[in-house]
Amino acid sequence: MKHHGLGPKGAQAIAEVLEIILTNNLSGNWIEDGGAYIGRSLCSNYTLTYLNLSENRLGHKGGKDIAEMLKDNNSLKVLIIFGNKFTDTEAEHFAEALKENSTLQVSLVLDLSKNQIGDIGAIALGTGLIENDTLKEINIGWNQIRSKGFNGFLLQLKDNASITHINMENNGFGDNGGPLVAYLSRNNTIQSLVVRLGDSAMISISKSIESNSL
């Protein structure tokens, strides 16, 4: 049901029948605060496995309730929520959910890209993943993360053995490839990593990849 112009009231109506739906694409529906209805409904939902709420302007209220839902939901496998004006505050809510619910298994991607997450949010997400050993892929590309957040996120992930795919493209990390080199030197489970850095940084990273057991 993507791009149907549901709005907040339509989201409320959809929330009432989610318990009998296995997958749902609600992207581009201007749901806004209506995301709260979706989040509350999914707290007691044990069937939905795929949910796409991207480009819905969920903002603070919608993001908070979706994150709260993740603390209790153990059926959802794929959550796509890019382009929702999430900031560091919402990133911290999702980080807390990842800490509390290690059963969340995003078999494709937990997509938080194209939001307004900065250094604080990136570090919080990395911290949340310290205690989560089931998440496989995370996308935080096209946010507002700079070198400090880049370093902090990867530092927290250094002992995580479950993440296989990371997308951090277009975040303004500059030419500092040191954090990534350090991460790759300790990690042998990563299969795909998307990031944009300067040429000198990429040379160092290439050498690190060569010495990686993969």
C-alpha atoms as a PDB file:
ATOM      1  CA  MET A   1       0.000   0.000   0.000  1.00  0.00           C
ATOM      2  CA  LYS A   2       2.824   2.416  -0.718  1.00  0.00           C
ATOM      3  CA  HIS A   3       2.068   5.965  -1.914  1.00  0.00           C
ATOM      4  CA  HIS A   4      -1.651   5.812  -1.097  1.00  0.00           C
ATOM      5  CA  GLY A   5      -1.802   9.022   0.919  1.00  0.00           C
ATOM      6  CA  LEU A   6      -3.043   7.240   4.026  1.00  0.00           C
ATOM      7  CA  GLY A   7      -2.046   9.942   6.500  1.00  0.00           C
ATOM      8  CA  PRO A   8      -2.288   9.556  10.299  1.00  0.00           C
ATOM      9  CA  LYS A   9      -5.933   8.391  10.295  1.00  0.00           C
ATOM     10  CA  GLY A  10      -5.274   5.815   7.603  1.00  0.00           C
ATOM     11  CA  ALA A  11      -2.336   4.538   9.627  1.00  0.00           C
ATOM     12  CA  GLN A  12      -4.652   4.091  12.602  1.00  0.00           C
ATOM     13  CA  ALA A  13      -7.038   2.010  10.496  1.00  0.00           C
ATOM     14  CA  ILE A  14      -4.191  -0.120   9.138  1.00  0.00           C
ATOM     15  CA  ALA A  15      -2.851  -0.659  12.668  1.00  0.00           C
ATOM     16  CA  GLU A  16      -6.111  -2.323  13.674  1.00  0.00           C
ATOM     17  CA  VAL A  17      -5.712  -5.129  11.107  1.00  0.00           C
ATOM     18  CA  LEU A  18      -1.926  -5.631  11.185  1.00  0.00           C
ATOM     19  CA  GLU A  19      -2.272  -8.727  13.354  1.00  0.00           C
ATOM     20  CA  ILE A  20      -3.524 -10.722  10.358  1.00  0.00           C
ATOM     21  CA  ILE A  21      -0.915  -9.424   7.880  1.00  0.00           C
ATOM     22  CA  LEU A  22       2.501 -11.007   7.312  1.00  0.00           C
ATOM     23  CA  THR A  23       4.155  -8.246   5.249  1.00  0.00           C
ATOM     24  CA  ASN A  24       3.294  -4.610   4.682  1.00  0.00           C
ATOM     25  CA  ASN A  25       4.756  -1.796   2.579  1.00  0.00           C
ATOM     26  CA  LEU A  26       3.421   1.544   3.809  1.00  0.00           C
ATOM     27  CA  SER A  27       6.148   3.745   2.363  1.00  0.00           C
ATOM     28  CA  GLY A  28       5.421   7.255   1.132  1.00  0.00           C
ATOM     29  CA  ASN A  29       2.059   7.684   2.868  1.00  0.00           C
ATOM     30  CA  TRP A  30       2.665  10.823   4.974  1.00  0.00           C
ATOM     31  CA  ILE A  31       1.778   8.828   8.074  1.00  0.00           C
ATOM     32  CA  GLU A  32       3.587  11.287  10.393  1.00  0.00           C
ATOM     33  CA  ASP A  33       2.281  10.906  13.976  1.00  0.00           C
ATOM     34  CA  GLY A  34       0.209   7.955  12.785  1.00  0.00           C
ATOM     35  CA  GLY A  35       3.360   5.893  13.165  1.00  0.00           C
ATOM     36  CA  ALA A  36       2.502   5.763  16.861  1.00  0.00           C
ATOM     37  CA  TYR A  37      -0.597   3.659  16.050  1.00  0.00           C
ATOM     38  CA  ILE A  38       1.520   1.257  14.002  1.00  0.00           C
ATOM     39  CA  GLY A  39       4.089   0.931  16.776  1.00  0.00           C
ATOM     40  CA  ARG A  40       1.520   0.271  19.487  1.00  0.00           C
ATOM     41  CA  SER A  41      -0.279  -2.294  17.357  1.00  0.00           C
ATOM     42  CA  LEU A  42       2.907  -4.247  16.697  1.00  0.00           C
ATOM     43  CA  CYS A  43       3.729  -4.572  20.403  1.00  0.00           C
ATOM     44  CA  SER A  44       1.281  -7.481  20.510  1.00  0.00           C
ATOM     45  CA  ASN A  45       1.768  -8.657  16.916  1.00  0.00           C
ATOM     46  CA  TYR A  46       3.427 -12.047  16.433  1.00  0.00           C
ATOM     47  CA  THR A  47       2.913 -12.515  12.691  1.00  0.00           C
ATOM     48  CA  LEU A  48       4.267  -9.492  10.794  1.00  0.00           C
ATOM     49  CA  THR A  49       7.746 -10.219   9.425  1.00  0.00           C
ATOM     50  CA  TYR A  50       8.311  -7.319   6.985  1.00  0.00           C
ATOM     51  CA  LEU A  51       7.475  -3.641   7.483  1.00  0.00           C
ATOM     52  CA  ASN A  52       8.399  -0.704   5.259  1.00  0.00           C
ATOM     53  CA  LEU A  53       7.570   2.698   6.750  1.00  0.00           C
ATOM     54  CA  SER A  54      10.054   4.731   4.739  1.00  0.00           C
ATOM     55  CA  GLU A  55       9.432   8.334   3.668  1.00  0.00           C
ATOM     56  CA  ASN A  56       6.517   8.917   6.038  1.00  0.00           C
ATOM     57  CA  ARG A  57       7.778  11.874   8.078  1.00  0.00           C
ATOM     58  CA  LEU A  58       7.364   9.858  11.264  1.00  0.00           C
ATOM     59  CA  GLY A  59       9.566  12.266  13.216  1.00  0.00           C
ATOM     60  CA  HIS A  60       9.955  12.141  16.989  1.00  0.00           C
ATOM     61  CA  LYS A  61       6.624  10.676  18.097  1.00  0.00           C
ATOM     62  CA  GLY A  62       6.357   8.040  15.377  1.00  0.00           C
ATOM     63  CA  GLY A  63      10.008   7.066  15.767  1.00  0.00           C
ATOM     64  CA  LYS A  64       9.710   6.672  19.529  1.00  0.00           C
ATOM     65  CA  ASP A  65       6.712   4.341  19.294  1.00  0.00           C
ATOM     66  CA  ILE A  66       8.246   2.243  16.526  1.00  0.00           C
ATOM     67  CA  ALA A  67      11.391   1.864  18.661  1.00  0.00           C
ATOM     68  CA  GLU A  68       9.315   0.928  21.711  1.00  0.00           C
ATOM     69  CA  MET A  69       7.625  -1.743  19.621  1.00  0.00           C
ATOM     70  CA  LEU A  70      10.996  -3.313  18.810  1.00  0.00           C
ATOM     71  CA  LYS A  71      11.629  -3.965  22.480  1.00  0.00           C
ATOM     72  CA  ASP A  72       8.812  -6.529  22.603  1.00  0.00           C
ATOM     73  CA  ASN A  73       8.257  -7.717  19.037  1.00  0.00           C
ATOM     74  CA  ASN A  74       9.977 -11.003  18.173  1.00  0.00           C
ATOM     75  CA  SER A  75       8.505 -11.750  14.756  1.00  0.00           C
ATOM     76  CA  LEU A  76       9.666  -8.766  12.690  1.00  0.00           C
ATOM     77  CA  LYS A  77      12.605  -9.657  10.462  1.00  0.00           C
ATOM     78  CA  VAL A  78      12.834  -6.675   8.097  1.00  0.00           C
ATOM     79  CA  LEU A  79      12.342  -3.033   9.095  1.00  0.00           C
ATOM     80  CA  ILE A  80      12.848  -0.267   6.527  1.00  0.00           C
ATOM     81  CA  ILE A  81      12.424   3.233   7.939  1.00  0.00           C
ATOM     82  CA  PHE A  82      14.585   5.535   5.844  1.00  0.00           C
ATOM     83  CA  GLY A  83      13.628   9.149   5.128  1.00  0.00           C
ATOM     84  CA  ASN A  84      11.610   9.867   8.288  1.00  0.00           C
ATOM     85  CA  LYS A  85      13.398  12.901   9.757  1.00  0.00           C
ATOM     86  CA  PHE A  86      14.813  10.849  12.608  1.00  0.00           C
ATOM     87  CA  THR A  87      17.479  12.641  14.669  1.00  0.00           C
ATOM     88  CA  ASP A  88      19.957  11.558  17.349  1.00  0.00           C
ATOM     89  CA  THR A  89      17.058  11.307  19.790  1.00  0.00           C
ATOM     90  CA  GLU A  90      15.255   8.689  17.701  1.00  0.00           C
ATOM     91  CA  ALA A  91      18.542   6.874  17.032  1.00  0.00           C
ATOM     92  CA  GLU A  92      19.000   6.568  20.799  1.00  0.00           C
ATOM     93  CA  HIS A  93      15.507   5.064  21.103  1.00  0.00           C
ATOM     94  CA  PHE A  94      16.350   2.463  18.450  1.00  0.00           C
ATOM     95  CA  ALA A  95      19.683   1.746  20.133  1.00  0.00           C
ATOM     96  CA  GLU A  96      17.895   1.012  23.395  1.00  0.00           C
ATOM     97  CA  ALA A  97      15.513  -1.311  21.554  1.00  0.00           C
ATOM     98  CA  LEU A  98      18.431  -3.214  20.038  1.00  0.00           C
ATOM     99  CA  LYS A  99      19.881  -3.673  23.519  1.00  0.00           C
ATOM    100  CA  GLU A 100      16.655  -5.023  24.963  1.00  0.00           C
ATOM    101  CA  ASN A 101      15.505  -7.205  22.077  1.00  0.00           C
ATOM    102  CA  SER A 102      18.239  -9.476  20.810  1.00  0.00           C
ATOM    103  CA  THR A 103      15.666 -11.608  18.975  1.00  0.00           C
ATOM    104  CA  LEU A 104      15.221  -8.978  16.248  1.00  0.00           C
ATOM    105  CA  GLN A 105      16.666 -10.600  13.144  1.00  0.00           C
ATOM    106  CA  VAL A 106      16.696  -8.226  10.215  1.00  0.00           C
ATOM    107  CA  SER A 107      17.512 -10.734   7.500  1.00  0.00           C
ATOM    108  CA  LEU A 108      17.704  -8.065   4.818  1.00  0.00           C
ATOM    109  CA  VAL A 109      18.363  -4.666   6.404  1.00  0.00           C
ATOM    110  CA  LEU A 110      17.581  -2.338   9.270  1.00  0.00           C
ATOM    111  CA  ASP A 111      17.453   0.789   7.159  1.00  0.00           C
ATOM    112  CA  LEU A 112      17.836   4.101   8.985  1.00  0.00           C
ATOM    113  CA  SER A 113      19.332   5.923   6.002  1.00  0.00           C
ATOM    114  CA  LYS A 114      18.359   9.385   4.710  1.00  0.00           C
ATOM    115  CA  ASN A 115      17.484  10.714   8.145  1.00  0.00           C
ATOM    116  CA  GLN A 116      19.130  13.390  10.311  1.00  0.00           C
ATOM    117  CA  ILE A 117      21.185  11.161  12.598  1.00  0.00           C
ATOM    118  CA  GLY A 118      24.471  12.677  13.761  1.00  0.00           C
ATOM    119  CA  ASP A 119      27.498  11.602  15.778  1.00  0.00           C
ATOM    120  CA  ILE A 120      25.588  11.068  19.027  1.00  0.00           C
ATOM    121  CA  GLY A 121      23.021   8.842  17.336  1.00  0.00           C
ATOM    122  CA  ALA A 122      25.670   6.811  15.508  1.00  0.00           C
ATOM    123  CA  ILE A 123      27.589   6.137  18.710  1.00  0.00           C
ATOM    124  CA  ALA A 124      24.358   5.190  20.480  1.00  0.00           C
ATOM    125  CA  LEU A 125      23.467   2.706  17.731  1.00  0.00           C
ATOM    126  CA  GLY A 126      26.918   1.161  17.965  1.00  0.00           C
ATOM    127  CA  THR A 127      26.490   0.818  21.720  1.00  0.00           C
ATOM    128  CA  GLY A 128      23.089  -0.806  21.223  1.00  0.00           C
ATOM    129  CA  LEU A 129      24.648  -3.399  18.953  1.00  0.00           C
ATOM    130  CA  ILE A 130      27.217  -4.462  21.559  1.00  0.00           C
ATOM    131  CA  GLU A 131      24.588  -6.607  23.255  1.00  0.00           C
ATOM    132  CA  ASN A 132      22.725  -7.620  20.095  1.00  0.00           C
ATOM    133  CA  ASP A 133      24.032 -10.731  18.370  1.00  0.00           C
ATOM    134  CA  THR A 134      21.273 -11.326  15.818  1.00  0.00           C
ATOM    135  CA  LEU A 135      21.144  -8.200  13.618  1.00  0.00           C
ATOM    136  CA  LYS A 136      22.823  -8.933  10.293  1.00  0.00           C
ATOM    137  CA  GLU A 137      22.638  -5.705   8.300  1.00  0.00           C
ATOM    138  CA  ILE A 138      22.377  -2.011   9.112  1.00  0.00           C
ATOM    139  CA  ASN A 139      22.154   1.008   6.816  1.00  0.00           C
ATOM    140  CA  ILE A 140      22.898   4.447   8.274  1.00  0.00           C
ATOM    141  CA  GLY A 141      23.999   6.044   5.011  1.00  0.00           C
ATOM    142  CA  TRP A 142      22.992   9.562   3.957  1.00  0.00           C
ATOM    143  CA  ASN A 143      22.760  10.955   7.477  1.00  0.00           C
ATOM    144  CA  GLN A 144      24.781  13.676   9.245  1.00  0.00           C
ATOM    145  CA  ILE A 145      27.460  11.491  10.827  1.00  0.00           C
ATOM    146  CA  ARG A 146      30.968  12.918  10.855  1.00  0.00           C
ATOM    147  CA  SER A 147      34.383  11.567  11.864  1.00  0.00           C
ATOM    148  CA  LYS A 148      33.585  11.387  15.592  1.00  0.00           C
ATOM    149  CA  GLY A 149      30.442   9.328  15.026  1.00  0.00           C
ATOM    150  CA  PHE A 150      32.190   7.168  12.428  1.00  0.00           C
ATOM    151  CA  ASN A 151      34.954   6.329  14.887  1.00  0.00           C
ATOM    152  CA  GLY A 152      32.571   5.772  17.799  1.00  0.00           C
ATOM    153  CA  PHE A 153      30.177   3.550  15.858  1.00  0.00           C
ATOM    154  CA  LEU A 154      32.934   1.245  14.609  1.00  0.00           C
ATOM    155  CA  LEU A 155      34.684   1.197  17.988  1.00  0.00           C
ATOM    156  CA  GLN A 156      31.528  -0.137  19.626  1.00  0.00           C
ATOM    157  CA  LEU A 157      31.170  -2.783  16.909  1.00  0.00           C
ATOM    158  CA  LYS A 158      34.675  -4.167  17.297  1.00  0.00           C
ATOM    159  CA  ASP A 159      33.514  -7.293  19.134  1.00  0.00           C
ATOM    160  CA  ASN A 160      30.232  -7.797  17.282  1.00  0.00           C
ATOM    161  CA  ALA A 161      30.371 -11.062  15.323  1.00  0.00           C
ATOM    162  CA  SER A 162      26.880 -11.002  13.811  1.00  0.00           C
ATOM    163  CA  ILE A 163      26.888  -7.920  11.571  1.00  0.00           C
ATOM    164  CA  THR A 164      27.774  -8.892   7.999  1.00  0.00           C
ATOM    165  CA  HIS A 165      26.674  -5.822   6.029  1.00  0.00           C
ATOM    166  CA  ILE A 166      27.128  -2.129   6.889  1.00  0.00           C
ATOM    167  CA  ASN A 167      26.216   0.872   4.745  1.00  0.00           C
ATOM    168  CA  MET A 168      27.578   4.233   5.931  1.00  0.00           C
ATOM    169  CA  GLU A 169      27.862   6.053   2.610  1.00  0.00           C
ATOM    170  CA  ASN A 170      27.617   9.828   2.164  1.00  0.00           C
ATOM    171  CA  ASN A 171      28.112  10.967   5.748  1.00  0.00           C
ATOM    172  CA  GLY A 172      31.108  13.306   5.513  1.00  0.00           C
ATOM    173  CA  PHE A 173      33.791  11.245   7.237  1.00  0.00           C
ATOM    174  CA  GLY A 174      36.642  13.021   5.446  1.00  0.00           C
ATOM    175  CA  ASP A 175      39.912  11.178   4.788  1.00  0.00           C
ATOM    176  CA  ASN A 176      40.290   9.511   8.174  1.00  0.00           C
ATOM    177  CA  GLY A 177      40.259   5.807   7.407  1.00  0.00           C
ATOM    178  CA  GLY A 178      41.931   4.819  10.677  1.00  0.00           C
ATOM    179  CA  PRO A 179      38.750   3.721  12.477  1.00  0.00           C
ATOM    180  CA  LEU A 180      37.758   1.487   9.582  1.00  0.00           C
ATOM    181  CA  VAL A 181      41.228  -0.021   9.290  1.00  0.00           C
ATOM    182  CA  ALA A 182      41.168  -0.824  13.021  1.00  0.00           C
ATOM    183  CA  TYR A 183      37.701  -2.347  12.720  1.00  0.00           C
ATOM    184  CA  LEU A 184      38.581  -4.535   9.731  1.00  0.00           C
ATOM    185  CA  SER A 185      41.793  -5.733  11.357  1.00  0.00           C
ATOM    186  CA  ARG A 186      39.737  -7.276  14.174  1.00  0.00           C
ATOM    187  CA  ASN A 187      36.657  -8.412  12.282  1.00  0.00           C
ATOM    188  CA  ASN A 188      36.398 -11.431   9.989  1.00  0.00           C
ATOM    189  CA  THR A 189      32.628 -11.641   9.625  1.00  0.00           C
ATOM    190  CA  ILE A 190      31.932  -8.482   7.615  1.00  0.00           C
ATOM    191  CA  GLN A 191      30.987  -9.280   4.007  1.00  0.00           C
ATOM    192  CA  SER A 192      29.924  -5.898   2.656  1.00  0.00           C
ATOM    193  CA  LEU A 193      30.811  -2.387   3.770  1.00  0.00           C
ATOM    194  CA  VAL A 194      29.740   0.710   1.847  1.00  0.00           C
ATOM    195  CA  VAL A 195      31.517   3.946   2.778  1.00  0.00           C
ATOM    196  CA  ARG A 196      32.890   7.013   0.973  1.00  0.00           C
ATOM    197  CA  LEU A 197      36.346   8.235   1.995  1.00  0.00           C
ATOM    198  CA  GLY A 198      39.312   9.958   0.352  1.00  0.00           C
ATOM    199  CA  ASP A 199      41.867   8.157  -1.830  1.00  0.00           C
ATOM    200  CA  SER A 200      44.568   7.948   0.844  1.00  0.00           C
ATOM    201  CA  ALA A 201      42.146   6.416   3.318  1.00  0.00           C
ATOM    202  CA  MET A 202      40.928   3.899   0.774  1.00  0.00           C
ATOM    203  CA  ILE A 203      44.500   2.725   0.090  1.00  0.00           C
ATOM    204  CA  SER A 204      44.969   1.960   3.800  1.00  0.00           C
ATOM    205  CA  ILE A 205      41.617   0.200   3.911  1.00  0.00           C
ATOM    206  CA  SER A 206      42.468  -1.905   0.856  1.00  0.00           C
ATOM    207  CA  LYS A 207      45.610  -3.119   2.583  1.00  0.00           C
ATOM    208  CA  SER A 208      43.616  -3.984   5.660  1.00  0.00           C
ATOM    209  CA  ILE A 209      41.123  -5.958   3.577  1.00  0.00           C
ATOM    210  CA  GLU A 210      43.971  -7.904   1.999  1.00  0.00           C
ATOM    211  CA  SER A 211      45.191  -8.993   5.411  1.00  0.00           C
ATOM    212  CA  ASN A 212      41.670  -9.807   6.604  1.00  0.00           C
ATOM    213  CA  SER A 213      40.955 -13.532   6.714  1.00  0.00           C
ATOM    214  CA  LEU A 214      38.017 -13.035   4.328  1.00  0.00           C
END
